[in-house]
C-alpha atoms as a PDB file:
ATOM      1  CA  MET A   1    -179.760 202.763 -50.793  1.00  0.00           C
ATOM      2  CA  ARG A   2    -178.330 199.761 -48.956  1.00  0.00           C
ATOM      3  CA  GLY A   3    -179.728 196.315 -49.660  1.00  0.00           C
ATOM      4  CA  VAL A   4    -179.018 192.623 -49.193  1.00  0.00           C
ATOM      5  CA  ILE A   5    -177.746 190.552 -52.122  1.00  0.00           C
ATOM      6  CA  MET A   6    -177.163 186.808 -52.018  1.00  0.00           C
ATOM      7  CA  TYR A   7    -174.312 186.183 -54.454  1.00  0.00           C
ATOM      8  CA  ALA A   8    -174.297 182.416 -54.012  1.00  0.00           C
ATOM      9  CA  PRO A   9    -175.209 179.870 -51.337  1.00  0.00           C
ATOM     10  CA  GLY A  10    -173.765 181.066 -48.043  1.00  0.00           C
ATOM     11  CA  ASP A  11    -172.564 184.363 -49.559  1.00  0.00           C
ATOM     12  CA  VAL A  12    -174.721 187.255 -48.310  1.00  0.00           C
ATOM     13  CA  ARG A  13    -173.589 190.868 -48.745  1.00  0.00           C
ATOM     14  CA  VAL A  14    -175.037 194.290 -48.026  1.00  0.00           C
ATOM     15  CA  GLU A  15    -174.183 196.808 -50.701  1.00  0.00           C
ATOM     16  CA  ASP A  16    -175.316 199.922 -52.509  1.00  0.00           C
ATOM     17  CA  ARG A  17    -178.260 199.433 -54.848  1.00  0.00           C
ATOM     18  CA  PRO A  18    -180.244 201.895 -56.970  1.00  0.00           C
ATOM     19  CA  ASP A  19    -183.115 203.602 -55.151  1.00  0.00           C
ATOM     20  CA  PRO A  20    -186.465 202.236 -56.363  1.00  0.00           C
ATOM     21  CA  ILE A  21    -188.654 204.464 -58.506  1.00  0.00           C
ATOM     22  CA  ILE A  22    -192.237 204.406 -59.738  1.00  0.00           C
ATOM     23  CA  VAL A  23    -192.345 202.239 -62.867  1.00  0.00           C
ATOM     24  CA  GLU A  24    -196.085 201.611 -63.293  1.00  0.00           C
ATOM     25  CA  PRO A  25    -198.849 204.020 -62.290  1.00  0.00           C
ATOM     26  CA  THR A  26    -200.107 201.377 -59.824  1.00  0.00           C
ATOM     27  CA  ASP A  27    -196.774 201.313 -57.921  1.00  0.00           C
ATOM     28  CA  ALA A  28    -195.866 202.751 -54.549  1.00  0.00           C
ATOM     29  CA  VAL A  29    -192.439 203.246 -52.996  1.00  0.00           C
ATOM     30  CA  ILE A  30    -192.031 202.711 -49.267  1.00  0.00           C
ATOM     31  CA  ARG A  31    -189.283 203.477 -46.791  1.00  0.00           C
ATOM     32  CA  LEU A  32    -188.804 200.331 -44.736  1.00  0.00           C
ATOM     33  CA  ALA A  33    -189.285 200.638 -40.979  1.00  0.00           C
ATOM     34  CA  ALA A  34    -188.115 197.045 -40.482  1.00  0.00           C
ATOM     35  CA  THR A  35    -187.536 193.905 -42.484  1.00  0.00           C
ATOM     36  CA  CYS A  36    -186.476 190.372 -41.630  1.00  0.00           C
ATOM     37  CA  ILE A  37    -185.034 187.046 -42.721  1.00  0.00           C
ATOM     38  CA  CYS A  38    -187.487 184.272 -43.561  1.00  0.00           C
ATOM     39  CA  GLY A  39    -186.996 180.555 -43.056  1.00  0.00           C
ATOM     40  CA  SER A  40    -187.611 180.182 -46.785  1.00  0.00           C
ATOM     41  CA  ASP A  41    -184.561 182.405 -47.412  1.00  0.00           C
ATOM     42  CA  LEU A  42    -182.481 179.551 -46.001  1.00  0.00           C
ATOM     43  CA  TRP A  43    -183.323 177.269 -48.923  1.00  0.00           C
ATOM     44  CA  PRO A  44    -181.119 179.225 -51.387  1.00  0.00           C
ATOM     45  CA  TYR A  45    -178.657 180.022 -48.590  1.00  0.00           C
ATOM     46  CA  ARG A  46    -178.144 176.276 -48.121  1.00  0.00           C
ATOM     47  CA  GLY A  47    -177.995 175.572 -51.857  1.00  0.00           C
ATOM     48  CA  ALA A  48    -181.392 173.897 -52.106  1.00  0.00           C
ATOM     49  CA  GLU A  49    -182.610 176.556 -54.561  1.00  0.00           C
ATOM     50  CA  PRO A  50    -180.673 178.429 -57.266  1.00  0.00           C
ATOM     51  CA  VAL A  51    -179.362 181.863 -56.360  1.00  0.00           C
ATOM     52  CA  ASP A  52    -177.061 184.243 -58.238  1.00  0.00           C
ATOM     53  CA  HIS A  53    -176.613 187.883 -57.203  1.00  0.00           C
ATOM     54  CA  THR A  54    -180.228 187.891 -56.025  1.00  0.00           C
ATOM     55  CA  PRO A  55    -181.851 190.760 -54.048  1.00  0.00           C
ATOM     56  CA  MET A  56    -183.306 189.212 -50.898  1.00  0.00           C
ATOM     57  CA  GLY A  57    -186.354 189.746 -48.725  1.00  0.00           C
ATOM     58  CA  HIS A  58    -190.133 189.622 -49.060  1.00  0.00           C
ATOM     59  CA  GLU A  59    -191.420 190.732 -45.619  1.00  0.00           C
ATOM     60  CA  TYR A  60    -191.849 194.429 -44.961  1.00  0.00           C
ATOM     61  CA  VAL A  61    -193.538 197.291 -43.181  1.00  0.00           C
ATOM     62  CA  GLY A  62    -192.886 200.942 -43.758  1.00  0.00           C
ATOM     63  CA  VAL A  63    -194.022 204.403 -44.737  1.00  0.00           C
ATOM     64  CA  VAL A  64    -195.248 205.340 -48.211  1.00  0.00           C
ATOM     65  CA  THR A  65    -192.912 207.911 -49.752  1.00  0.00           C
ATOM     66  CA  GLU A  66    -194.270 208.039 -53.324  1.00  0.00           C
ATOM     67  CA  ILE A  67    -197.308 206.772 -55.214  1.00  0.00           C
ATOM     68  CA  GLY A  68    -198.101 206.267 -58.869  1.00  0.00           C
ATOM     69  CA  ALA A  69    -200.786 208.271 -60.637  1.00  0.00           C
ATOM     70  CA  ALA A  70    -203.318 205.408 -60.506  1.00  0.00           C
ATOM     71  CA  VAL A  71    -202.983 204.661 -56.777  1.00  0.00           C
ATOM     72  CA  ALA A  72    -206.250 205.652 -55.105  1.00  0.00           C
ATOM     73  CA  THR A  73    -206.408 204.134 -51.610  1.00  0.00           C
ATOM     74  CA  LEU A  74    -203.013 205.179 -50.211  1.00  0.00           C
ATOM     75  CA  LYS A  75    -201.272 208.456 -49.563  1.00  0.00           C
ATOM     76  CA  VAL A  76    -197.734 209.528 -48.846  1.00  0.00           C
ATOM     77  CA  GLY A  77    -197.060 209.156 -45.137  1.00  0.00           C
ATOM     78  CA  ASP A  78    -199.264 206.077 -44.594  1.00  0.00           C
ATOM     79  CA  PHE A  79    -197.689 203.309 -42.532  1.00  0.00           C
ATOM     80  CA  VAL A  80    -198.389 200.101 -44.431  1.00  0.00           C
ATOM     81  CA  VAL A  81    -198.110 196.323 -44.257  1.00  0.00           C
ATOM     82  CA  GLY A  82    -198.044 194.161 -47.372  1.00  0.00           C
ATOM     83  CA  SER A  83    -197.729 190.583 -48.536  1.00  0.00           C
ATOM     84  CA  PHE A  84    -194.982 188.615 -50.280  1.00  0.00           C
ATOM     85  CA  PHE A  85    -197.116 188.457 -53.450  1.00  0.00           C
ATOM     86  CA  THR A  86    -198.658 191.597 -54.880  1.00  0.00           C
ATOM     87  CA  SER A  87    -202.284 191.443 -55.964  1.00  0.00           C
ATOM     88  CA  ASP A  88    -204.905 193.707 -57.466  1.00  0.00           C
ATOM     89  CA  ASN A  89    -207.491 192.476 -54.921  1.00  0.00           C
ATOM     90  CA  THR A  90    -210.204 192.813 -57.578  1.00  0.00           C
ATOM     91  CA  CYS A  91    -209.851 189.797 -59.899  1.00  0.00           C
ATOM     92  CA  GLU A  92    -212.074 186.733 -59.482  1.00  0.00           C
ATOM     93  CA  ILE A  93    -209.333 184.780 -57.725  1.00  0.00           C
ATOM     94  CA  CYS A  94    -208.710 187.597 -55.234  1.00  0.00           C
ATOM     95  CA  ARG A  95    -212.429 187.973 -54.557  1.00  0.00           C
ATOM     96  CA  ALA A  96    -212.603 184.238 -53.877  1.00  0.00           C
ATOM     97  CA  GLY A  97    -210.025 184.717 -51.119  1.00  0.00           C
ATOM     98  CA  TYR A  98    -206.773 183.764 -52.860  1.00  0.00           C
ATOM     99  CA  PRO A  99    -204.845 186.962 -53.653  1.00  0.00           C
ATOM    100  CA  SER A 100    -201.564 185.009 -53.596  1.00  0.00           C
ATOM    101  CA  HIS A 101    -202.833 183.531 -56.886  1.00  0.00           C
ATOM    102  CA  CYS A 102    -204.041 186.846 -58.333  1.00  0.00           C
ATOM    103  CA  VAL A 103    -204.022 186.927 -62.125  1.00  0.00           C
ATOM    104  CA  ARG A 104    -201.821 190.035 -61.903  1.00  0.00           C
ATOM    105  CA  ARG A 105    -199.608 188.930 -59.017  1.00  0.00           C
ATOM    106  CA  THR A 106    -195.908 189.611 -58.873  1.00  0.00           C
ATOM    107  CA  PRO A 107    -193.433 188.233 -56.321  1.00  0.00           C
ATOM    108  CA  ILE A 108    -192.123 190.883 -53.941  1.00  0.00           C
ATOM    109  CA  GLY A 109    -188.814 189.048 -53.767  1.00  0.00           C
ATOM    110  CA  ARG A 110    -187.979 190.021 -57.344  1.00  0.00           C
ATOM    111  CA  GLU A 111    -186.519 193.332 -56.130  1.00  0.00           C
ATOM    112  CA  GLY A 112    -186.083 192.422 -52.461  1.00  0.00           C
ATOM    113  CA  THR A 113    -187.251 194.122 -49.282  1.00  0.00           C
ATOM    114  CA  GLN A 114    -184.156 193.525 -47.150  1.00  0.00           C
ATOM    115  CA  ALA A 115    -183.292 197.086 -48.027  1.00  0.00           C
ATOM    116  CA  GLU A 116    -183.899 200.703 -47.062  1.00  0.00           C
ATOM    117  CA  PHE A 117    -186.590 201.288 -49.701  1.00  0.00           C
ATOM    118  CA  ALA A 118    -188.818 199.078 -51.856  1.00  0.00           C
ATOM    119  CA  ARG A 119    -191.097 199.435 -54.860  1.00  0.00           C
ATOM    120  CA  ILE A 120    -194.457 197.720 -54.342  1.00  0.00           C
ATOM    121  CA  PRO A 121    -196.414 196.935 -57.531  1.00  0.00           C
ATOM    122  CA  ASN A 122    -200.230 196.695 -57.390  1.00  0.00           C
ATOM    123  CA  ALA A 123    -200.055 198.979 -54.369  1.00  0.00           C
ATOM    124  CA  ASP A 124    -203.811 199.491 -53.899  1.00  0.00           C
ATOM    125  CA  GLY A 125    -204.462 195.762 -53.744  1.00  0.00           C
ATOM    126  CA  THR A 126    -201.331 194.792 -51.821  1.00  0.00           C
ATOM    127  CA  LEU A 127    -200.711 197.347 -49.091  1.00  0.00           C
ATOM    128  CA  VAL A 128    -202.933 197.863 -46.055  1.00  0.00           C
ATOM    129  CA  ALA A 129    -202.536 201.050 -44.042  1.00  0.00           C
ATOM    130  CA  THR A 130    -202.533 200.845 -40.270  1.00  0.00           C
ATOM    131  CA  PRO A 131    -205.021 202.999 -38.307  1.00  0.00           C
ATOM    132  CA  GLY A 132    -202.232 205.492 -37.602  1.00  0.00           C
ATOM    133  CA  GLN A 133    -198.510 205.643 -37.010  1.00  0.00           C
ATOM    134  CA  PRO A 134    -197.707 202.619 -34.824  1.00  0.00           C
ATOM    135  CA  ASP A 135    -195.854 202.708 -31.542  1.00  0.00           C
ATOM    136  CA  ALA A 136    -192.347 201.325 -31.961  1.00  0.00           C
ATOM    137  CA  ASP A 137    -193.135 198.194 -29.959  1.00  0.00           C
ATOM    138  CA  LEU A 138    -195.878 197.229 -32.427  1.00  0.00           C
ATOM    139  CA  ILE A 139    -193.595 197.219 -35.477  1.00  0.00           C
ATOM    140  CA  PRO A 140    -192.231 193.658 -34.965  1.00  0.00           C
ATOM    141  CA  SER A 141    -195.762 192.257 -34.741  1.00  0.00           C
ATOM    142  CA  LEU A 142    -196.905 194.201 -37.814  1.00  0.00           C
ATOM    143  CA  LEU A 143    -193.854 192.875 -39.637  1.00  0.00           C
ATOM    144  CA  ALA A 144    -194.793 189.328 -38.617  1.00  0.00           C
ATOM    145  CA  ALA A 145    -198.218 189.902 -40.189  1.00  0.00           C
ATOM    146  CA  SER A 146    -196.508 190.439 -43.565  1.00  0.00           C
ATOM    147  CA  ASP A 147    -195.673 186.737 -43.817  1.00  0.00           C
ATOM    148  CA  VAL A 148    -195.261 184.342 -40.895  1.00  0.00           C
ATOM    149  CA  LEU A 149    -198.412 185.338 -39.012  1.00  0.00           C
ATOM    150  CA  GLY A 150    -200.507 185.479 -42.172  1.00  0.00           C
ATOM    151  CA  THR A 151    -199.056 182.154 -43.308  1.00  0.00           C
ATOM    152  CA  GLY A 152    -199.646 180.482 -39.948  1.00  0.00           C
ATOM    153  CA  TRP A 153    -203.163 181.897 -39.922  1.00  0.00           C
ATOM    154  CA  PHE A 154    -203.902 180.507 -43.380  1.00  0.00           C
ATOM    155  CA  ALA A 155    -202.521 177.122 -42.333  1.00  0.00           C
ATOM    156  CA  ALA A 156    -204.981 177.057 -39.444  1.00  0.00           C
ATOM    157  CA  VAL A 157    -207.875 178.146 -41.665  1.00  0.00           C
ATOM    158  CA  ALA A 158    -206.933 175.583 -44.333  1.00  0.00           C
ATOM    159  CA  ALA A 159    -206.823 172.912 -41.612  1.00  0.00           C
ATOM    160  CA  GLN A 160    -210.355 173.907 -40.578  1.00  0.00           C
ATOM    161  CA  VAL A 161    -209.312 174.803 -37.036  1.00  0.00           C
ATOM    162  CA  GLY A 162    -212.233 175.763 -34.847  1.00  0.00           C
ATOM    163  CA  PRO A 163    -213.862 175.494 -31.428  1.00  0.00           C
ATOM    164  CA  GLY A 164    -213.674 172.094 -29.786  1.00  0.00           C
ATOM    165  CA  LYS A 165    -211.016 170.760 -32.139  1.00  0.00           C
ATOM    166  CA  THR A 166    -207.610 169.256 -31.460  1.00  0.00           C
ATOM    167  CA  VAL A 167    -204.802 170.701 -33.583  1.00  0.00           C
ATOM    168  CA  ALA A 168    -201.304 169.307 -34.139  1.00  0.00           C
ATOM    169  CA  VAL A 169    -198.566 171.570 -35.501  1.00  0.00           C
ATOM    170  CA  VAL A 170    -195.623 170.048 -37.370  1.00  0.00           C
ATOM    171  CA  GLY A 171    -192.752 172.559 -37.363  1.00  0.00           C
ATOM    172  CA  ASP A 172    -191.626 174.875 -34.580  1.00  0.00           C
ATOM    173  CA  GLY A 173    -190.204 177.694 -36.684  1.00  0.00           C
ATOM    174  CA  ALA A 174    -191.839 181.113 -36.845  1.00  0.00           C
ATOM    175  CA  VAL A 175    -194.660 179.920 -39.123  1.00  0.00           C
ATOM    176  CA  GLY A 176    -195.462 176.897 -36.970  1.00  0.00           C
ATOM    177  CA  LEU A 177    -195.444 179.048 -33.836  1.00  0.00           C
ATOM    178  CA  CYS A 178    -197.762 181.555 -35.500  1.00  0.00           C
ATOM    179  CA  GLY A 179    -199.971 178.640 -36.531  1.00  0.00           C
ATOM    180  CA  ILE A 180    -200.301 177.820 -32.832  1.00  0.00           C
ATOM    181  CA  LEU A 181    -201.242 181.436 -32.089  1.00  0.00           C
ATOM    182  CA  ALA A 182    -203.825 181.329 -34.893  1.00  0.00           C
ATOM    183  CA  ALA A 183    -205.263 178.027 -33.673  1.00  0.00           C
ATOM    184  CA  LYS A 184    -205.736 179.526 -30.212  1.00  0.00           C
ATOM    185  CA  GLN A 185    -207.433 182.609 -31.641  1.00  0.00           C
ATOM    186  CA  LEU A 186    -209.713 180.433 -33.777  1.00  0.00           C
ATOM    187  CA  GLY A 187    -210.926 178.549 -30.717  1.00  0.00           C
ATOM    188  CA  ALA A 188    -209.027 175.243 -30.748  1.00  0.00           C
ATOM    189  CA  GLU A 189    -209.600 173.257 -27.573  1.00  0.00           C
ATOM    190  CA  ARG A 190    -206.254 171.425 -27.636  1.00  0.00           C
ATOM    191  CA  ILE A 191    -203.054 172.308 -29.478  1.00  0.00           C
ATOM    192  CA  ILE A 192    -200.206 169.826 -29.803  1.00  0.00           C
ATOM    193  CA  ALA A 193    -196.870 171.421 -30.684  1.00  0.00           C
ATOM    194  CA  MET A 194    -194.253 169.112 -32.167  1.00  0.00           C
ATOM    195  CA  SER A 195    -190.942 170.591 -31.002  1.00  0.00           C
ATOM    196  CA  ARG A 196    -187.592 169.503 -29.632  1.00  0.00           C
ATOM    197  CA  HIS A 197    -186.265 172.947 -28.698  1.00  0.00           C
ATOM    198  CA  ALA A 198    -186.880 174.243 -25.173  1.00  0.00           C
ATOM    199  CA  ASP A 199    -187.029 177.928 -26.173  1.00  0.00           C
ATOM    200  CA  ARG A 200    -189.520 177.242 -28.939  1.00  0.00           C
ATOM    201  CA  GLN A 201    -191.550 174.978 -26.668  1.00  0.00           C
ATOM    202  CA  ALA A 202    -191.834 177.843 -24.186  1.00  0.00           C
ATOM    203  CA  LEU A 203    -193.049 180.229 -26.895  1.00  0.00           C
ATOM    204  CA  ALA A 204    -195.458 177.568 -28.201  1.00  0.00           C
ATOM    205  CA  ARG A 205    -197.018 177.342 -24.735  1.00  0.00           C
ATOM    206  CA  ARG A 206    -197.172 181.133 -24.531  1.00  0.00           C
ATOM    207  CA  PHE A 207    -199.081 181.175 -27.818  1.00  0.00           C
ATOM    208  CA  GLY A 208    -201.540 178.498 -26.648  1.00  0.00           C
ATOM    209  CA  ALA A 209    -200.031 175.003 -26.993  1.00  0.00           C
ATOM    210  CA  THR A 210    -201.455 172.567 -24.444  1.00  0.00           C
ATOM    211  CA  ASP A 211    -199.161 169.618 -25.240  1.00  0.00           C
ATOM    212  CA  ILE A 212    -195.593 169.190 -26.481  1.00  0.00           C
ATOM    213  CA  VAL A 213    -194.489 166.178 -28.548  1.00  0.00           C
ATOM    214  CA  GLU A 214    -190.756 165.766 -29.013  1.00  0.00           C
ATOM    215  CA  GLU A 215    -190.886 162.451 -30.893  1.00  0.00           C
ATOM    216  CA  ARG A 216    -190.584 162.280 -34.680  1.00  0.00           C
ATOM    217  CA  GLY A 217    -191.526 159.816 -37.394  1.00  0.00           C
ATOM    218  CA  GLN A 218    -193.490 156.757 -36.321  1.00  0.00           C
ATOM    219  CA  ASP A 219    -192.969 157.607 -32.668  1.00  0.00           C
ATOM    220  CA  GLY A 220    -194.323 161.114 -33.185  1.00  0.00           C
ATOM    221  CA  ILE A 221    -197.388 159.852 -35.031  1.00  0.00           C
ATOM    222  CA  ALA A 222    -197.992 157.273 -32.304  1.00  0.00           C
ATOM    223  CA  ARG A 223    -197.731 159.947 -29.618  1.00  0.00           C
ATOM    224  CA  VAL A 224    -200.297 162.186 -31.359  1.00  0.00           C
ATOM    225  CA  LYS A 225    -202.613 159.204 -31.721  1.00  0.00           C
ATOM    226  CA  GLU A 226    -202.121 158.395 -28.047  1.00  0.00           C
ATOM    227  CA  LEU A 227    -203.082 161.941 -27.094  1.00  0.00           C
ATOM    228  CA  THR A 228    -206.223 161.785 -29.259  1.00  0.00           C
ATOM    229  CA  GLY A 229    -207.755 158.482 -28.228  1.00  0.00           C
ATOM    230  CA  GLY A 230    -206.134 156.633 -31.126  1.00  0.00           C
ATOM    231  CA  LEU A 231    -207.875 158.766 -33.766  1.00  0.00           C
ATOM    232  CA  GLY A 232    -205.439 161.535 -34.640  1.00  0.00           C
ATOM    233  CA  ALA A 233    -205.966 165.300 -34.610  1.00  0.00           C
ATOM    234  CA  HIS A 234    -208.931 167.005 -36.251  1.00  0.00           C
ATOM    235  CA  SER A 235    -206.600 169.591 -37.803  1.00  0.00           C
ATOM    236  CA  VAL A 236    -202.884 169.441 -38.580  1.00  0.00           C
ATOM    237  CA  ILE A 237    -200.629 172.284 -39.685  1.00  0.00           C
ATOM    238  CA  GLU A 238    -197.562 171.360 -41.773  1.00  0.00           C
ATOM    239  CA  ALA A 239    -195.104 174.252 -41.610  1.00  0.00           C
ATOM    240  CA  VAL A 240    -191.817 172.735 -42.805  1.00  0.00           C
ATOM    241  CA  GLY A 241    -191.987 171.609 -46.434  1.00  0.00           C
ATOM    242  CA  THR A 242    -190.095 168.303 -46.283  1.00  0.00           C
ATOM    243  CA  GLN A 243    -191.198 164.772 -47.042  1.00  0.00           C
ATOM    244  CA  ASP A 244    -190.922 163.721 -43.408  1.00  0.00           C
ATOM    245  CA  ALA A 245    -193.035 166.671 -42.274  1.00  0.00           C
ATOM    246  CA  MET A 246    -195.753 165.978 -44.835  1.00  0.00           C
ATOM    247  CA  ASP A 247    -195.867 162.288 -43.944  1.00  0.00           C
ATOM    248  CA  GLN A 248    -196.029 163.196 -40.257  1.00  0.00           C
ATOM    249  CA  ALA A 249    -198.879 165.636 -40.889  1.00  0.00           C
ATOM    250  CA  ILE A 250    -201.067 163.351 -42.992  1.00  0.00           C
ATOM    251  CA  ARG A 251    -200.606 160.341 -40.735  1.00  0.00           C
ATOM    252  CA  SER A 252    -201.282 162.361 -37.575  1.00  0.00           C
ATOM    253  CA  THR A 253    -204.702 163.433 -38.916  1.00  0.00           C
ATOM    254  CA  ARG A 254    -207.868 161.493 -38.182  1.00  0.00           C
ATOM    255  CA  ALA A 255    -210.175 160.276 -40.935  1.00  0.00           C
ATOM    256  CA  GLY A 256    -212.258 163.230 -42.073  1.00  0.00           C
ATOM    257  CA  GLY A 257    -209.684 165.652 -40.658  1.00  0.00           C
ATOM    258  CA  HIS A 258    -207.829 168.422 -42.446  1.00  0.00           C
ATOM    259  CA  VAL A 259    -204.171 169.214 -43.145  1.00  0.00           C
ATOM    260  CA  GLY A 260    -203.168 172.804 -43.875  1.00  0.00           C
ATOM    261  CA  PHE A 261    -199.729 172.775 -45.498  1.00  0.00           C
ATOM    262  CA  VAL A 262    -197.748 175.983 -45.903  1.00  0.00           C
ATOM    263  CA  GLY A 263    -194.129 174.830 -45.700  1.00  0.00           C
ATOM    264  CA  VAL A 264    -192.561 175.512 -49.117  1.00  0.00           C
ATOM    265  CA  SER A 265    -192.415 171.992 -50.540  1.00  0.00           C
ATOM    266  CA  HIS A 266    -189.011 170.608 -51.485  1.00  0.00           C
ATOM    267  CA  ASP A 267    -188.954 167.138 -53.056  1.00  0.00           C
ATOM    268  CA  VAL A 268    -192.280 166.253 -51.426  1.00  0.00           C
ATOM    269  CA  SER A 269    -194.436 163.596 -53.047  1.00  0.00           C
ATOM    270  CA  ILE A 270    -197.852 162.342 -51.977  1.00  0.00           C
ATOM    271  CA  ASP A 271    -198.761 158.661 -51.881  1.00  0.00           C
ATOM    272  CA  GLY A 272    -202.035 158.786 -53.814  1.00  0.00           C
ATOM    273  CA  LYS A 273    -203.311 155.443 -52.608  1.00  0.00           C
ATOM    274  CA  GLY A 274    -202.387 156.225 -49.022  1.00  0.00           C
ATOM    275  CA  LEU A 275    -204.123 159.605 -49.189  1.00  0.00           C
ATOM    276  CA  PHE A 276    -207.163 158.025 -50.839  1.00  0.00           C
ATOM    277  CA  PHE A 277    -207.692 155.567 -47.998  1.00  0.00           C
ATOM    278  CA  SER A 278    -206.806 158.043 -45.245  1.00  0.00           C
ATOM    279  CA  GLY A 279    -209.957 160.125 -45.643  1.00  0.00           C
ATOM    280  CA  VAL A 280    -207.838 163.227 -45.001  1.00  0.00           C
ATOM    281  CA  HIS A 281    -208.447 166.625 -46.618  1.00  0.00           C
ATOM    282  CA  LEU A 282    -205.318 168.397 -47.873  1.00  0.00           C
ATOM    283  CA  HIS A 283    -205.149 172.113 -48.663  1.00  0.00           C
ATOM    284  CA  GLY A 284    -202.417 174.735 -48.640  1.00  0.00           C
ATOM    285  CA  GLY A 285    -199.814 176.504 -50.726  1.00  0.00           C
ATOM    286  CA  PRO A 286    -198.606 180.120 -50.763  1.00  0.00           C
ATOM    287  CA  ALA A 287    -200.671 181.855 -48.094  1.00  0.00           C
ATOM    288  CA  PRO A 288    -203.187 184.509 -49.231  1.00  0.00           C
ATOM    289  CA  VAL A 289    -201.795 186.876 -46.610  1.00  0.00           C
ATOM    290  CA  ARG A 290    -203.534 189.960 -48.054  1.00  0.00           C
ATOM    291  CA  ARG A 291    -206.899 188.318 -47.308  1.00  0.00           C
ATOM    292  CA  PHE A 292    -206.144 188.297 -43.582  1.00  0.00           C
ATOM    293  CA  LEU A 293    -204.198 191.552 -43.176  1.00  0.00           C
ATOM    294  CA  PRO A 294    -207.058 193.861 -42.113  1.00  0.00           C
ATOM    295  CA  GLU A 295    -208.095 191.462 -39.336  1.00  0.00           C
ATOM    296  CA  LEU A 296    -204.542 190.716 -38.214  1.00  0.00           C
ATOM    297  CA  ILE A 297    -203.513 194.373 -38.175  1.00  0.00           C
ATOM    298  CA  GLN A 298    -206.501 195.227 -36.004  1.00  0.00           C
ATOM    299  CA  LEU A 299    -205.749 192.384 -33.551  1.00  0.00           C
ATOM    300  CA  ILE A 300    -202.176 193.655 -33.266  1.00  0.00           C
ATOM    301  CA  TRP A 301    -203.237 197.299 -33.036  1.00  0.00           C
ATOM    302  CA  ASP A 302    -205.635 196.429 -30.193  1.00  0.00           C
ATOM    303  CA  ARG A 303    -202.805 194.452 -28.526  1.00  0.00           C
ATOM    304  CA  GLU A 304    -204.835 191.261 -28.472  1.00  0.00           C
ATOM    305  CA  ILE A 305    -201.962 189.268 -30.003  1.00  0.00           C
ATOM    306  CA  ASP A 306    -198.198 189.753 -29.944  1.00  0.00           C
ATOM    307  CA  PRO A 307    -196.679 187.677 -32.763  1.00  0.00           C
ATOM    308  CA  GLY A 308    -193.582 189.899 -32.839  1.00  0.00           C
ATOM    309  CA  VAL A 309    -192.045 187.828 -30.046  1.00  0.00           C
ATOM    310  CA  VAL A 310    -191.084 185.234 -32.685  1.00  0.00           C
ATOM    311  CA  PHE A 311    -188.177 187.577 -33.457  1.00  0.00           C
ATOM    312  CA  ASP A 312    -185.506 186.443 -31.032  1.00  0.00           C
ATOM    313  CA  LEU A 313    -182.574 188.268 -32.620  1.00  0.00           C
ATOM    314  CA  THR A 314    -182.487 191.877 -33.837  1.00  0.00           C
ATOM    315  CA  LEU A 315    -179.608 193.162 -35.965  1.00  0.00           C
ATOM    316  CA  PRO A 316    -178.976 196.209 -38.157  1.00  0.00           C
ATOM    317  CA  LEU A 317    -179.422 195.683 -41.879  1.00  0.00           C
ATOM    318  CA  GLU A 318    -175.654 195.924 -42.349  1.00  0.00           C
ATOM    319  CA  ASP A 319    -175.262 192.737 -40.275  1.00  0.00           C
ATOM    320  CA  ALA A 320    -177.665 190.671 -42.382  1.00  0.00           C
ATOM    321  CA  ALA A 321    -174.997 188.045 -43.114  1.00  0.00           C
ATOM    322  CA  GLU A 322    -174.740 187.292 -39.392  1.00  0.00           C
ATOM    323  CA  GLY A 323    -178.520 187.011 -39.253  1.00  0.00           C
ATOM    324  CA  TYR A 324    -178.479 184.379 -41.985  1.00  0.00           C
ATOM    325  CA  ARG A 325    -175.748 182.467 -40.156  1.00  0.00           C
ATOM    326  CA  ALA A 326    -177.678 182.602 -36.889  1.00  0.00           C
ATOM    327  CA  MET A 327    -180.831 181.172 -38.458  1.00  0.00           C
ATOM    328  CA  ASP A 328    -178.916 178.588 -40.466  1.00  0.00           C
ATOM    329  CA  GLU A 329    -177.173 177.398 -37.292  1.00  0.00           C
ATOM    330  CA  ARG A 330    -180.441 177.476 -35.306  1.00  0.00           C
ATOM    331  CA  ARG A 331    -179.108 180.103 -32.950  1.00  0.00           C
ATOM    332  CA  ALA A 332    -182.155 182.189 -33.843  1.00  0.00           C
ATOM    333  CA  THR A 333    -185.746 181.355 -34.771  1.00  0.00           C
ATOM    334  CA  LYS A 334    -186.293 184.531 -36.780  1.00  0.00           C
ATOM    335  CA  VAL A 335    -184.131 187.610 -37.274  1.00  0.00           C
ATOM    336  CA  LEU A 336    -185.469 191.150 -37.468  1.00  0.00           C
ATOM    337  CA  LEU A 337    -183.353 193.655 -39.373  1.00  0.00           C
ATOM    338  CA  THR A 338    -183.548 197.286 -38.359  1.00  0.00           C
ATOM    339  CA  VAL A 339    -183.326 199.816 -41.171  1.00  0.00           C
END
């Protein structure tokens, strides 16, 4: 099969790789219908994380082509959506709502899903079948559910978004935009999108943003406070993973408010004394996407939400290197790869 390998920072190639096979009886093999490039893939691409001949990709939808002997809830031919961490969905941590911390979890990225086929461990607890074979126009949205929608949704839940609340979203990438969509679905009264890019501002408004803040740093915090009567937002989503973004999020939150942080943290530290006196709740981490998949799939299937519009560039798998360049250079928000 063909698959994406990142040899080194900035060096992405598509080459022949061995077809995946069933290794454990709990495995499934799927034929990818579509895959994509994640903002977190840019960290190694830019040299911020180590990479060396690494298979890439952790977002996926596709059709089951083979199942292990112990797989009980799936059958060959099912169209499925999964998460970037596998999970058994039965352990105590999974049952508590955190399958991304399952005691038997494995990272999907170990073998990579920017490819024609993929092996999915813990298939019963990881993959969710759609109600039938999806129409082609639903595939981008189902693919979004595999990571960015589920992650944005968790950020909103972690930030305690709900009816009557004001939400601020730090980060206008695909996850931040999906956080806006989630906040709208969860009943937020006001949604403040922090964005400097006209195309992303337009999509933010389409997803439910009521206000746009272009300022950053102290000016951005002051603007959020101005829009909230000097108090700050009830709920803030941090969808970047940098020190500046975390500082912006915490300081834009009112006392008693909640920050949901899902940006993969890079060199972020928390001022303990500052957090102590802020009265702000802080919760986040790798999103438990599997927890939300049944609900998100149904919303997409019923055409109540359309998160697939976050993909603003579609390329064939063979052109993955151009997709990485486009996202790195901010010529694209998120790239879908056809398989």
